[in-house]
Amino acid sequence: MAGRTMHAVQYDGYGGGAAGLKHAEIQVPSPKRDEVLLRVEAASINQIDWKIQKGVMRPLMPPKFPFVPATDVAGEVVEVGPGGHSFKPGDKVVSMLNFRNAGGLAEYAVASVNMTVDRPPEVSAADGASLPIAALTALQALRYGGTKFDGTGQPGNVLITAASSGVGSFAVQLAKLGNLNVTATCGARNVDLVKRLGADEVLDYKTPEGKSLSSPSGRKYDVVIHCTVGISWSTFEPNLAANGVVIDLTPTPWTWFHSVVKRLTFAKKKLVPLLIFVHDKEDLRFLVQLVRDGKLTAVVDSRHQLSEAAAAWAKSMEGHATGKIIVEMGESAMAPVVAG
């Protein structure tokens, strides 16, 4: 497809938020060795996308401007580069694009075969695009906390904060598949949704009970999957089991310092900051299969056409989305909905 152009959304420098996104006609990329060219059907926006725009990874990312953001996509293979013979044109896939190159907010994108998996008919493009960062992060965080998904896991108690978020909504479902008792926090409007996802106990984070994080049944947490900000160690500590661990997916400098102190003092209760940059293709395949089998549901907050990418970007930056925000490349994206 050399020489052809496509519509894309990009930004020309750090900062600017949704207003910094620009629509442009750019050249369709060509797949190199071990890459495939995808016709993008859907992409999801993650917090890391606009944080990179804000400059949190400056000067490493983006490597150059203008930059087309978004890594999580689902689409159809249209061209196969050298070495990409595990795929052929026409294959429906889910892919996590390279962070440094990104490219998801465009009609076409180049994906590595190392992070691209087949998408069965039972998995929609929106569902598939919801998975890579959010579901992989939830899966790896739970595994770090000792959860097993092969049927050999021992029962335990887990607390999941911000359980109606993209990561949190997947974490609730995966924790139940891992044989855990789940206590979850979210806003009042999402309590019923989080219960439907499988949580055994749900706390409105604005109530006294929610602020204290205390389990209504008196459980102590073996693991906390912390998906939000603004909760102190002094709140977590009394609710933890003797060897409980808080896995913080939104760590601050204070988190890193406190984690080191806990290690140096050989504390039984631990705080672990977890930033996940390396993902596994087999894990992504596992998650797609769970969706196919009806064991995992992607909660979609809203769907936007590519022409409405700025609205999707702004909604993500507001921080109150229920589940995932999807940008669809088709001619007629569905109106925004909240799905369970």
C-alpha atoms as a PDB file:
ATOM      1  CA  MET A   1       0.000   0.000   0.000  1.00  0.00           C
ATOM      2  CA  ALA A   2       3.034   2.207  -0.488  1.00  0.00           C
ATOM      3  CA  GLY A   3       2.145   5.723  -1.577  1.00  0.00           C
ATOM      4  CA  ARG A   4      -1.424   5.606  -0.246  1.00  0.00           C
ATOM      5  CA  THR A   5      -2.603   8.032   2.397  1.00  0.00           C
ATOM      6  CA  MET A   6      -4.933   7.572   5.343  1.00  0.00           C
ATOM      7  CA  HIS A   7      -6.745   9.652   7.926  1.00  0.00           C
ATOM      8  CA  ALA A   8      -5.088   9.834  11.343  1.00  0.00           C
ATOM      9  CA  VAL A   9      -5.203  11.798  14.585  1.00  0.00           C
ATOM     10  CA  GLN A  10      -1.852  13.039  15.908  1.00  0.00           C
ATOM     11  CA  TYR A  11      -0.225  15.692  18.067  1.00  0.00           C
ATOM     12  CA  ASP A  12       2.735  17.909  17.260  1.00  0.00           C
ATOM     13  CA  GLY A  13       4.275  18.419  20.704  1.00  0.00           C
ATOM     14  CA  TYR A  14       3.940  17.926  24.440  1.00  0.00           C
ATOM     15  CA  GLY A  15       0.854  19.220  26.215  1.00  0.00           C
ATOM     16  CA  GLY A  16      -2.377  20.540  24.801  1.00  0.00           C
ATOM     17  CA  GLY A  17      -4.706  17.777  25.912  1.00  0.00           C
ATOM     18  CA  ALA A  18      -7.639  17.073  23.618  1.00  0.00           C
ATOM     19  CA  ALA A  19      -7.184  20.440  21.930  1.00  0.00           C
ATOM     20  CA  GLY A  20      -3.683  19.363  20.921  1.00  0.00           C
ATOM     21  CA  LEU A  21      -4.987  16.531  18.734  1.00  0.00           C
ATOM     22  CA  LYS A  22      -4.958  17.268  15.021  1.00  0.00           C
ATOM     23  CA  HIS A  23      -6.576  15.434  12.115  1.00  0.00           C
ATOM     24  CA  ALA A  24      -4.226  14.783   9.222  1.00  0.00           C
ATOM     25  CA  GLU A  25      -3.776  12.812   6.023  1.00  0.00           C
ATOM     26  CA  ILE A  26      -0.557  10.838   6.323  1.00  0.00           C
ATOM     27  CA  GLN A  27       1.098   8.001   4.449  1.00  0.00           C
ATOM     28  CA  VAL A  28      -0.036   4.442   5.139  1.00  0.00           C
ATOM     29  CA  PRO A  29       2.904   2.697   6.874  1.00  0.00           C
ATOM     30  CA  SER A  30       4.555  -0.390   5.409  1.00  0.00           C
ATOM     31  CA  PRO A  31       5.145  -3.524   7.515  1.00  0.00           C
ATOM     32  CA  LYS A  32       8.753  -4.521   8.080  1.00  0.00           C
ATOM     33  CA  ARG A  33      10.122  -7.895   9.162  1.00  0.00           C
ATOM     34  CA  ASP A  34       7.841  -9.663  11.654  1.00  0.00           C
ATOM     35  CA  GLU A  35       5.159  -7.008  11.235  1.00  0.00           C
ATOM     36  CA  VAL A  36       1.697  -6.858   9.718  1.00  0.00           C
ATOM     37  CA  LEU A  37      -0.304  -3.936   8.412  1.00  0.00           C
ATOM     38  CA  LEU A  38      -3.767  -3.709   9.961  1.00  0.00           C
ATOM     39  CA  ARG A  39      -6.901  -1.980   8.835  1.00  0.00           C
ATOM     40  CA  VAL A  40      -7.882  -0.668  12.245  1.00  0.00           C
ATOM     41  CA  GLU A  41     -11.487  -1.282  13.223  1.00  0.00           C
ATOM     42  CA  ALA A  42     -11.314  -0.050  16.828  1.00  0.00           C
ATOM     43  CA  ALA A  43      -8.803   1.393  19.268  1.00  0.00           C
ATOM     44  CA  SER A  44      -9.041   2.093  22.982  1.00  0.00           C
ATOM     45  CA  ILE A  45      -7.602   5.053  24.838  1.00  0.00           C
ATOM     46  CA  ASN A  46      -5.590   4.451  28.013  1.00  0.00           C
ATOM     47  CA  GLN A  47      -4.312   6.899  30.609  1.00  0.00           C
ATOM     48  CA  ILE A  48      -0.747   6.282  29.485  1.00  0.00           C
ATOM     49  CA  ASP A  49      -1.652   7.704  26.054  1.00  0.00           C
ATOM     50  CA  TRP A  50      -2.421  11.192  27.302  1.00  0.00           C
ATOM     51  CA  LYS A  51       0.225  11.013  30.023  1.00  0.00           C
ATOM     52  CA  ILE A  52       2.821  10.533  27.282  1.00  0.00           C
ATOM     53  CA  GLN A  53       1.350  13.598  25.567  1.00  0.00           C
ATOM     54  CA  LYS A  54       1.726  15.519  28.856  1.00  0.00           C
ATOM     55  CA  GLY A  55       5.420  14.629  28.878  1.00  0.00           C
ATOM     56  CA  VAL A  56       5.683  12.132  31.744  1.00  0.00           C
ATOM     57  CA  MET A  57       8.116  10.044  29.673  1.00  0.00           C
ATOM     58  CA  ARG A  58       9.987  12.945  28.089  1.00  0.00           C
ATOM     59  CA  PRO A  59      12.409  12.724  26.287  1.00  0.00           C
ATOM     60  CA  LEU A  60      12.063   8.976  25.639  1.00  0.00           C
ATOM     61  CA  MET A  61       8.536   9.077  24.275  1.00  0.00           C
ATOM     62  CA  PRO A  62       7.378  10.034  21.844  1.00  0.00           C
ATOM     63  CA  PRO A  63      10.655   9.563  19.943  1.00  0.00           C
ATOM     64  CA  LYS A  64       9.555  12.209  17.430  1.00  0.00           C
ATOM     65  CA  PHE A  65       6.684  14.465  16.443  1.00  0.00           C
ATOM     66  CA  PRO A  66       4.101  14.440  15.001  1.00  0.00           C
ATOM     67  CA  PHE A  67       2.950  11.335  16.863  1.00  0.00           C
ATOM     68  CA  VAL A  68      -0.143   9.161  16.338  1.00  0.00           C
ATOM     69  CA  PRO A  69      -1.166   7.823  19.793  1.00  0.00           C
ATOM     70  CA  ALA A  70      -2.943   4.679  21.045  1.00  0.00           C
ATOM     71  CA  THR A  71      -1.503   1.180  21.283  1.00  0.00           C
ATOM     72  CA  ASP A  72      -4.566  -1.038  21.803  1.00  0.00           C
ATOM     73  CA  VAL A  73      -6.283  -1.997  18.566  1.00  0.00           C
ATOM     74  CA  ALA A  74      -8.392  -4.603  16.835  1.00  0.00           C
ATOM     75  CA  GLY A  75      -8.631  -4.918  13.111  1.00  0.00           C
ATOM     76  CA  GLU A  76      -7.950  -6.923   9.984  1.00  0.00           C
ATOM     77  CA  VAL A  77      -4.618  -7.900   8.471  1.00  0.00           C
ATOM     78  CA  VAL A  78      -4.232  -6.378   4.978  1.00  0.00           C
ATOM     79  CA  GLU A  79      -0.514  -6.901   4.355  1.00  0.00           C
ATOM     80  CA  VAL A  80       2.141  -9.185   5.818  1.00  0.00           C
ATOM     81  CA  GLY A  81       5.798  -8.208   6.116  1.00  0.00           C
ATOM     82  CA  PRO A  82       8.739 -10.629   5.803  1.00  0.00           C
ATOM     83  CA  GLY A  83       8.620 -13.213   8.564  1.00  0.00           C
ATOM     84  CA  GLY A  84       5.000 -12.512   9.453  1.00  0.00           C
ATOM     85  CA  HIS A  85       3.707 -15.733   7.944  1.00  0.00           C
ATOM     86  CA  SER A  86       1.677 -16.750  10.993  1.00  0.00           C
ATOM     87  CA  PHE A  87      -0.911 -14.285   9.646  1.00  0.00           C
ATOM     88  CA  LYS A  88      -2.472 -13.690   6.243  1.00  0.00           C
ATOM     89  CA  PRO A  89      -4.584 -10.930   4.714  1.00  0.00           C
ATOM     90  CA  GLY A  90      -8.148 -11.133   5.976  1.00  0.00           C
ATOM     91  CA  ASP A  91      -7.277 -12.393   9.468  1.00  0.00           C
ATOM     92  CA  LYS A  92      -9.138 -10.630  12.273  1.00  0.00           C
ATOM     93  CA  VAL A  93      -6.776  -9.802  15.139  1.00  0.00           C
ATOM     94  CA  VAL A  94      -6.174  -8.002  18.426  1.00  0.00           C
ATOM     95  CA  SER A  95      -2.867  -6.234  18.809  1.00  0.00           C
ATOM     96  CA  MET A  96      -0.856  -4.116  21.194  1.00  0.00           C
ATOM     97  CA  LEU A  97       1.235  -1.703  19.151  1.00  0.00           C
ATOM     98  CA  ASN A  98       4.769  -0.695  20.044  1.00  0.00           C
ATOM     99  CA  PHE A  99       4.685   2.180  22.561  1.00  0.00           C
ATOM    100  CA  ARG A 100       7.406   4.128  20.799  1.00  0.00           C
ATOM    101  CA  ASN A 101       5.751   3.915  17.394  1.00  0.00           C
ATOM    102  CA  ALA A 102       2.058   3.667  18.449  1.00  0.00           C
ATOM    103  CA  GLY A 103      -0.322   4.546  15.604  1.00  0.00           C
ATOM    104  CA  GLY A 104      -3.714   3.316  16.838  1.00  0.00           C
ATOM    105  CA  LEU A 105      -5.746   6.457  16.078  1.00  0.00           C
ATOM    106  CA  ALA A 106      -5.554   5.939  12.330  1.00  0.00           C
ATOM    107  CA  GLU A 107      -7.220   3.947   9.593  1.00  0.00           C
ATOM    108  CA  TYR A 108      -4.178   1.691   9.255  1.00  0.00           C
ATOM    109  CA  ALA A 109      -1.415   0.704  11.684  1.00  0.00           C
ATOM    110  CA  VAL A 110       1.660  -1.506  11.707  1.00  0.00           C
ATOM    111  CA  ALA A 111       1.746  -4.185  14.417  1.00  0.00           C
ATOM    112  CA  SER A 112       4.400  -6.623  15.551  1.00  0.00           C
ATOM    113  CA  VAL A 113       3.450 -10.276  15.168  1.00  0.00           C
ATOM    114  CA  ASN A 114       4.916 -10.749  18.659  1.00  0.00           C
ATOM    115  CA  MET A 115       1.968  -8.895  20.228  1.00  0.00           C
ATOM    116  CA  THR A 116      -0.785  -9.779  17.750  1.00  0.00           C
ATOM    117  CA  VAL A 117      -3.252 -12.631  18.231  1.00  0.00           C
ATOM    118  CA  ASP A 118      -6.198 -14.026  16.291  1.00  0.00           C
ATOM    119  CA  ARG A 119      -9.631 -12.616  17.126  1.00  0.00           C
ATOM    120  CA  PRO A 120     -12.447 -15.168  16.860  1.00  0.00           C
ATOM    121  CA  PRO A 121     -15.903 -14.137  15.583  1.00  0.00           C
ATOM    122  CA  GLU A 122     -17.298 -14.122  19.134  1.00  0.00           C
ATOM    123  CA  VAL A 123     -14.990 -11.212  20.076  1.00  0.00           C
ATOM    124  CA  SER A 124     -16.033  -7.832  18.653  1.00  0.00           C
ATOM    125  CA  ALA A 125     -13.502  -5.236  17.580  1.00  0.00           C
ATOM    126  CA  ALA A 126     -14.453  -3.031  20.550  1.00  0.00           C
ATOM    127  CA  ASP A 127     -14.039  -5.932  22.974  1.00  0.00           C
ATOM    128  CA  GLY A 128     -10.690  -6.851  21.478  1.00  0.00           C
ATOM    129  CA  ALA A 129      -9.339  -3.296  21.539  1.00  0.00           C
ATOM    130  CA  SER A 130     -10.328  -3.034  25.213  1.00  0.00           C
ATOM    131  CA  LEU A 131      -7.981  -5.815  26.278  1.00  0.00           C
ATOM    132  CA  PRO A 132      -4.257  -5.185  25.782  1.00  0.00           C
ATOM    133  CA  ILE A 133      -3.124  -2.663  28.404  1.00  0.00           C
ATOM    134  CA  ALA A 134      -6.034  -2.805  30.859  1.00  0.00           C
ATOM    135  CA  ALA A 135      -6.670  -6.548  30.985  1.00  0.00           C
ATOM    136  CA  LEU A 136      -2.984  -7.490  30.736  1.00  0.00           C
ATOM    137  CA  THR A 137      -2.189  -5.131  33.633  1.00  0.00           C
ATOM    138  CA  ALA A 138      -4.962  -6.652  35.757  1.00  0.00           C
ATOM    139  CA  LEU A 139      -3.813 -10.177  34.916  1.00  0.00           C
ATOM    140  CA  GLN A 140      -0.155  -9.521  35.698  1.00  0.00           C
ATOM    141  CA  ALA A 141      -0.946  -7.658  38.923  1.00  0.00           C
ATOM    142  CA  LEU A 142      -3.049 -10.560  40.191  1.00  0.00           C
ATOM    143  CA  ARG A 143      -0.354 -13.056  39.211  1.00  0.00           C
ATOM    144  CA  TYR A 144       2.218 -10.949  41.053  1.00  0.00           C
ATOM    145  CA  GLY A 145      -0.022 -11.250  44.107  1.00  0.00           C
ATOM    146  CA  GLY A 146       0.000 -15.046  43.802  1.00  0.00           C
ATOM    147  CA  THR A 147      -3.259 -15.661  41.939  1.00  0.00           C
ATOM    148  CA  LYS A 148      -3.331 -18.732  39.713  1.00  0.00           C
ATOM    149  CA  PHE A 149      -5.675 -19.317  36.801  1.00  0.00           C
ATOM    150  CA  ASP A 150      -5.106 -23.034  36.201  1.00  0.00           C
ATOM    151  CA  GLY A 151      -7.516 -24.239  38.866  1.00  0.00           C
ATOM    152  CA  THR A 152      -4.829 -24.796  41.498  1.00  0.00           C
ATOM    153  CA  GLY A 153      -5.187 -21.442  43.269  1.00  0.00           C
ATOM    154  CA  GLN A 154      -6.032 -21.251  46.960  1.00  0.00           C
ATOM    155  CA  PRO A 155      -8.971 -19.137  48.161  1.00  0.00           C
ATOM    156  CA  GLY A 156      -7.980 -15.690  49.328  1.00  0.00           C
ATOM    157  CA  ASN A 157      -9.294 -12.196  49.857  1.00  0.00           C
ATOM    158  CA  VAL A 158      -8.552  -9.345  47.475  1.00  0.00           C
ATOM    159  CA  LEU A 159      -9.481  -5.665  47.543  1.00  0.00           C
ATOM    160  CA  ILE A 160      -9.722  -3.896  44.188  1.00  0.00           C
ATOM    161  CA  THR A 161      -9.942  -0.098  44.230  1.00  0.00           C
ATOM    162  CA  ALA A 162     -11.527   1.850  41.373  1.00  0.00           C
ATOM    163  CA  ALA A 163     -13.199  -1.380  40.336  1.00  0.00           C
ATOM    164  CA  SER A 164     -15.302   0.241  37.599  1.00  0.00           C
ATOM    165  CA  SER A 165     -12.230   1.541  35.769  1.00  0.00           C
ATOM    166  CA  GLY A 166     -10.748  -0.235  32.775  1.00  0.00           C
ATOM    167  CA  VAL A 167      -8.131  -2.118  34.789  1.00  0.00           C
ATOM    168  CA  GLY A 168     -10.394  -2.519  37.807  1.00  0.00           C
ATOM    169  CA  SER A 169     -13.316  -4.012  35.873  1.00  0.00           C
ATOM    170  CA  PHE A 170     -11.044  -6.672  34.393  1.00  0.00           C
ATOM    171  CA  ALA A 171      -9.347  -7.273  37.754  1.00  0.00           C
ATOM    172  CA  VAL A 172     -12.679  -8.051  39.459  1.00  0.00           C
ATOM    173  CA  GLN A 173     -13.569 -10.694  36.869  1.00  0.00           C
ATOM    174  CA  LEU A 174     -10.103 -12.234  36.738  1.00  0.00           C
ATOM    175  CA  ALA A 175      -9.907 -12.384  40.533  1.00  0.00           C
ATOM    176  CA  LYS A 176     -13.125 -14.410  40.605  1.00  0.00           C
ATOM    177  CA  LEU A 177     -11.715 -16.746  37.953  1.00  0.00           C
ATOM    178  CA  GLY A 178      -8.713 -17.109  40.263  1.00  0.00           C
ATOM    179  CA  ASN A 179     -10.930 -18.345  43.143  1.00  0.00           C
ATOM    180  CA  LEU A 180     -10.679 -15.161  45.220  1.00  0.00           C
ATOM    181  CA  ASN A 181     -13.214 -13.393  47.414  1.00  0.00           C
ATOM    182  CA  VAL A 182     -13.476  -9.881  46.000  1.00  0.00           C
ATOM    183  CA  THR A 183     -14.155  -6.658  47.853  1.00  0.00           C
ATOM    184  CA  ALA A 184     -14.284  -3.683  45.499  1.00  0.00           C
ATOM    185  CA  THR A 185     -14.619   0.087  45.661  1.00  0.00           C
ATOM    186  CA  CYS A 186     -16.287   2.370  43.116  1.00  0.00           C
ATOM    187  CA  GLY A 187     -18.675   5.293  42.871  1.00  0.00           C
ATOM    188  CA  ALA A 188     -22.315   4.872  43.863  1.00  0.00           C
ATOM    189  CA  ARG A 189     -23.542   4.862  40.247  1.00  0.00           C
ATOM    190  CA  ASN A 190     -21.418   1.805  39.454  1.00  0.00           C
ATOM    191  CA  VAL A 191     -22.110  -0.384  42.488  1.00  0.00           C
ATOM    192  CA  ASP A 192     -24.609  -2.603  40.668  1.00  0.00           C
ATOM    193  CA  LEU A 193     -22.295  -2.961  37.662  1.00  0.00           C
ATOM    194  CA  VAL A 194     -19.372  -4.078  39.815  1.00  0.00           C
ATOM    195  CA  LYS A 195     -21.624  -6.591  41.563  1.00  0.00           C
ATOM    196  CA  ARG A 196     -22.621  -7.973  38.154  1.00  0.00           C
ATOM    197  CA  LEU A 197     -18.948  -8.350  37.308  1.00  0.00           C
ATOM    198  CA  GLY A 198     -18.673 -10.721  40.255  1.00  0.00           C
ATOM    199  CA  ALA A 199     -17.559  -8.710  43.288  1.00  0.00           C
ATOM    200  CA  ASP A 200     -18.700 -10.273  46.573  1.00  0.00           C
ATOM    201  CA  GLU A 201     -18.707  -6.942  48.409  1.00  0.00           C
ATOM    202  CA  VAL A 202     -18.848  -3.442  46.927  1.00  0.00           C
ATOM    203  CA  LEU A 203     -18.074  -0.231  48.792  1.00  0.00           C
ATOM    204  CA  ASP A 204     -19.063   3.253  47.656  1.00  0.00           C
ATOM    205  CA  TYR A 205     -15.724   5.023  48.029  1.00  0.00           C
ATOM    206  CA  LYS A 206     -17.392   8.230  49.232  1.00  0.00           C
ATOM    207  CA  THR A 207     -19.057   6.617  52.266  1.00  0.00           C
ATOM    208  CA  PRO A 208     -17.311   6.208  55.644  1.00  0.00           C
ATOM    209  CA  GLU A 209     -17.075   2.454  55.009  1.00  0.00           C
ATOM    210  CA  GLY A 210     -15.622   3.032  51.579  1.00  0.00           C
ATOM    211  CA  LYS A 211     -13.084   5.542  52.853  1.00  0.00           C
ATOM    212  CA  SER A 212     -11.908   3.123  55.538  1.00  0.00           C
ATOM    213  CA  LEU A 213     -11.758   0.211  53.034  1.00  0.00           C
ATOM    214  CA  SER A 214     -13.070  -2.127  55.710  1.00  0.00           C
ATOM    215  CA  SER A 215     -14.651  -5.343  54.462  1.00  0.00           C
ATOM    216  CA  PRO A 216     -18.332  -5.524  55.481  1.00  0.00           C
ATOM    217  CA  SER A 217     -17.783  -9.169  56.460  1.00  0.00           C
ATOM    218  CA  GLY A 218     -14.624  -8.396  58.425  1.00  0.00           C
ATOM    219  CA  ARG A 219     -12.226  -9.996  55.945  1.00  0.00           C
ATOM    220  CA  LYS A 220      -8.576  -9.031  55.932  1.00  0.00           C
ATOM    221  CA  TYR A 221      -7.051  -8.665  52.495  1.00  0.00           C
ATOM    222  CA  ASP A 222      -4.267 -10.907  51.287  1.00  0.00           C
ATOM    223  CA  VAL A 223      -3.823  -8.718  48.219  1.00  0.00           C
ATOM    224  CA  VAL A 224      -4.895  -5.224  47.233  1.00  0.00           C
ATOM    225  CA  ILE A 225      -4.949  -4.254  43.560  1.00  0.00           C
ATOM    226  CA  HIS A 226      -4.776  -0.477  43.845  1.00  0.00           C
ATOM    227  CA  CYS A 227      -6.009   1.192  40.647  1.00  0.00           C
ATOM    228  CA  THR A 228      -6.468   4.778  41.807  1.00  0.00           C
ATOM    229  CA  VAL A 229      -4.700   7.499  43.806  1.00  0.00           C
ATOM    230  CA  GLY A 230      -5.152   9.347  47.066  1.00  0.00           C
ATOM    231  CA  ILE A 231      -5.275   6.462  49.560  1.00  0.00           C
ATOM    232  CA  SER A 232      -2.602   6.386  52.259  1.00  0.00           C
ATOM    233  CA  TRP A 233      -0.734   3.392  53.641  1.00  0.00           C
ATOM    234  CA  SER A 234      -2.302   4.107  57.044  1.00  0.00           C
ATOM    235  CA  THR A 235      -5.697   3.315  55.483  1.00  0.00           C
ATOM    236  CA  PHE A 236      -4.538   0.094  53.843  1.00  0.00           C
ATOM    237  CA  GLU A 237      -2.418  -1.288  56.703  1.00  0.00           C
ATOM    238  CA  PRO A 238      -5.112  -2.194  59.286  1.00  0.00           C
ATOM    239  CA  ASN A 239      -7.153  -3.967  56.606  1.00  0.00           C
ATOM    240  CA  LEU A 240      -4.343  -6.261  55.460  1.00  0.00           C
ATOM    241  CA  ALA A 241      -3.801  -9.873  56.502  1.00  0.00           C
ATOM    242  CA  ALA A 242      -0.580 -10.630  58.375  1.00  0.00           C
ATOM    243  CA  ASN A 243       1.390 -11.007  55.126  1.00  0.00           C
ATOM    244  CA  GLY A 244      -0.810  -8.822  52.978  1.00  0.00           C
ATOM    245  CA  VAL A 245       0.524  -6.884  50.016  1.00  0.00           C
ATOM    246  CA  VAL A 246      -0.701  -3.725  48.303  1.00  0.00           C
ATOM    247  CA  ILE A 247       0.112  -3.727  44.583  1.00  0.00           C
ATOM    248  CA  ASP A 248       0.010  -0.095  43.521  1.00  0.00           C
ATOM    249  CA  LEU A 249      -0.629   0.384  39.796  1.00  0.00           C
ATOM    250  CA  THR A 250      -0.541   4.192  40.072  1.00  0.00           C
ATOM    251  CA  PRO A 251       2.628   4.693  42.125  1.00  0.00           C
ATOM    252  CA  THR A 252       3.913   8.084  43.223  1.00  0.00           C
ATOM    253  CA  PRO A 253       7.448   8.920  44.429  1.00  0.00           C
ATOM    254  CA  TRP A 254       6.132   8.412  47.969  1.00  0.00           C
ATOM    255  CA  THR A 255       5.024   4.883  47.010  1.00  0.00           C
ATOM    256  CA  TRP A 256       8.514   3.967  45.824  1.00  0.00           C
ATOM    257  CA  PHE A 257      10.102   5.402  48.985  1.00  0.00           C
ATOM    258  CA  HIS A 258       7.676   3.606  51.295  1.00  0.00           C
ATOM    259  CA  SER A 259       8.194   0.362  49.403  1.00  0.00           C
ATOM    260  CA  VAL A 260      11.949   0.553  49.950  1.00  0.00           C
ATOM    261  CA  VAL A 261      11.457   1.262  53.657  1.00  0.00           C
ATOM    262  CA  LYS A 262       9.211  -1.792  53.972  1.00  0.00           C
ATOM    263  CA  ARG A 263      11.863  -3.976  52.332  1.00  0.00           C
ATOM    264  CA  LEU A 264      14.710  -2.628  54.442  1.00  0.00           C
ATOM    265  CA  THR A 265      12.779  -3.197  57.663  1.00  0.00           C
ATOM    266  CA  PHE A 266      11.632  -6.712  56.604  1.00  0.00           C
ATOM    267  CA  ALA A 267       8.012  -5.724  57.170  1.00  0.00           C
ATOM    268  CA  LYS A 268       5.510  -8.546  56.686  1.00  0.00           C
ATOM    269  CA  LYS A 269       2.937  -6.229  55.166  1.00  0.00           C
ATOM    270  CA  LYS A 270       4.270  -4.892  51.878  1.00  0.00           C
ATOM    271  CA  LEU A 271       3.662  -2.076  49.425  1.00  0.00           C
ATOM    272  CA  VAL A 272       4.704  -2.891  45.865  1.00  0.00           C
ATOM    273  CA  PRO A 273       4.705  -0.246  43.119  1.00  0.00           C
ATOM    274  CA  LEU A 274       4.105  -2.014  39.821  1.00  0.00           C
ATOM    275  CA  LEU A 275       4.663  -0.498  36.398  1.00  0.00           C
ATOM    276  CA  ILE A 276       4.244  -3.008  33.590  1.00  0.00           C
ATOM    277  CA  PHE A 277       5.989  -2.308  30.286  1.00  0.00           C
ATOM    278  CA  VAL A 278       6.657  -5.851  29.100  1.00  0.00           C
ATOM    279  CA  HIS A 279       3.656  -7.875  28.008  1.00  0.00           C
ATOM    280  CA  ASP A 280       3.286 -11.448  26.819  1.00  0.00           C
ATOM    281  CA  LYS A 281       1.552 -12.586  23.638  1.00  0.00           C
ATOM    282  CA  GLU A 282       0.288 -15.777  25.268  1.00  0.00           C
ATOM    283  CA  ASP A 283      -1.336 -13.725  28.021  1.00  0.00           C
ATOM    284  CA  LEU A 284      -3.135 -11.665  25.388  1.00  0.00           C
ATOM    285  CA  ARG A 285      -4.259 -14.855  23.655  1.00  0.00           C
ATOM    286  CA  PHE A 286      -5.503 -16.186  27.015  1.00  0.00           C
ATOM    287  CA  LEU A 287      -7.584 -13.052  27.580  1.00  0.00           C
ATOM    288  CA  VAL A 288      -9.092 -13.153  24.082  1.00  0.00           C
ATOM    289  CA  GLN A 289     -10.072 -16.778  24.687  1.00  0.00           C
ATOM    290  CA  LEU A 290     -11.748 -15.822  27.977  1.00  0.00           C
ATOM    291  CA  VAL A 291     -13.838 -13.228  26.134  1.00  0.00           C
ATOM    292  CA  ARG A 292     -14.652 -15.778  23.428  1.00  0.00           C
ATOM    293  CA  ASP A 293     -15.836 -18.262  26.066  1.00  0.00           C
ATOM    294  CA  GLY A 294     -17.995 -15.686  27.850  1.00  0.00           C
ATOM    295  CA  LYS A 295     -15.816 -15.723  30.982  1.00  0.00           C
ATOM    296  CA  LEU A 296     -14.543 -12.153  30.633  1.00  0.00           C
ATOM    297  CA  THR A 297     -16.503  -9.058  29.628  1.00  0.00           C
ATOM    298  CA  ALA A 298     -15.143  -5.772  28.344  1.00  0.00           C
ATOM    299  CA  VAL A 299     -17.054  -2.916  29.964  1.00  0.00           C
ATOM    300  CA  VAL A 300     -17.372  -0.174  27.366  1.00  0.00           C
ATOM    301  CA  ASP A 301     -18.006   3.335  28.667  1.00  0.00           C
ATOM    302  CA  SER A 302     -18.455   5.030  25.301  1.00  0.00           C
ATOM    303  CA  ARG A 303     -17.785   4.657  21.592  1.00  0.00           C
ATOM    304  CA  HIS A 304     -16.607   7.478  19.359  1.00  0.00           C
ATOM    305  CA  GLN A 305     -15.876   7.823  15.672  1.00  0.00           C
ATOM    306  CA  LEU A 306     -12.333   8.784  14.681  1.00  0.00           C
ATOM    307  CA  SER A 307     -13.679  12.256  13.891  1.00  0.00           C
ATOM    308  CA  GLU A 308     -14.653  12.472  17.590  1.00  0.00           C
ATOM    309  CA  ALA A 309     -11.256  11.377  18.938  1.00  0.00           C
ATOM    310  CA  ALA A 310     -10.796  14.641  20.855  1.00  0.00           C
ATOM    311  CA  ALA A 311     -13.995  13.993  22.833  1.00  0.00           C
ATOM    312  CA  ALA A 312     -12.800  10.470  23.658  1.00  0.00           C
ATOM    313  CA  TRP A 313      -9.398  11.856  24.721  1.00  0.00           C
ATOM    314  CA  ALA A 314     -11.002  14.481  26.962  1.00  0.00           C
ATOM    315  CA  LYS A 315     -13.277  11.890  28.560  1.00  0.00           C
ATOM    316  CA  SER A 316     -10.278   9.724  29.410  1.00  0.00           C
ATOM    317  CA  MET A 317      -8.449  12.693  30.916  1.00  0.00           C
ATOM    318  CA  GLU A 318     -11.445  13.452  33.158  1.00  0.00           C
ATOM    319  CA  GLY A 319     -10.789  10.149  34.937  1.00  0.00           C
ATOM    320  CA  HIS A 320     -14.370   9.053  35.550  1.00  0.00           C
ATOM    321  CA  ALA A 321     -14.982   6.616  32.715  1.00  0.00           C
ATOM    322  CA  THR A 322     -16.756   3.367  33.498  1.00  0.00           C
ATOM    323  CA  GLY A 323     -14.610   0.779  31.758  1.00  0.00           C
ATOM    324  CA  LYS A 324     -13.023   1.478  28.390  1.00  0.00           C
ATOM    325  CA  ILE A 325     -13.290   4.349  25.927  1.00  0.00           C
ATOM    326  CA  ILE A 326     -13.367   3.137  22.326  1.00  0.00           C
ATOM    327  CA  VAL A 327     -12.625   4.925  19.061  1.00  0.00           C
ATOM    328  CA  GLU A 328     -14.099   3.169  16.030  1.00  0.00           C
ATOM    329  CA  MET A 329     -12.855   3.659  12.498  1.00  0.00           C
ATOM    330  CA  GLY A 330     -16.057   2.569  10.727  1.00  0.00           C
ATOM    331  CA  GLU A 331     -18.331   4.968   8.903  1.00  0.00           C
ATOM    332  CA  SER A 332     -20.965   4.807  11.642  1.00  0.00           C
ATOM    333  CA  ALA A 333     -19.745   4.323  15.192  1.00  0.00           C
ATOM    334  CA  MET A 334     -22.443   3.641  17.745  1.00  0.00           C
ATOM    335  CA  ALA A 335     -23.653   6.377  20.022  1.00  0.00           C
ATOM    336  CA  PRO A 336     -21.960   6.552  23.454  1.00  0.00           C
ATOM    337  CA  VAL A 337     -23.270   3.874  25.808  1.00  0.00           C
ATOM    338  CA  VAL A 338     -22.435   2.291  29.113  1.00  0.00           C
ATOM    339  CA  ALA A 339     -22.413  -1.476  28.744  1.00  0.00           C
ATOM    340  CA  GLY A 340     -22.039  -4.238  31.285  1.00  0.00           C
END
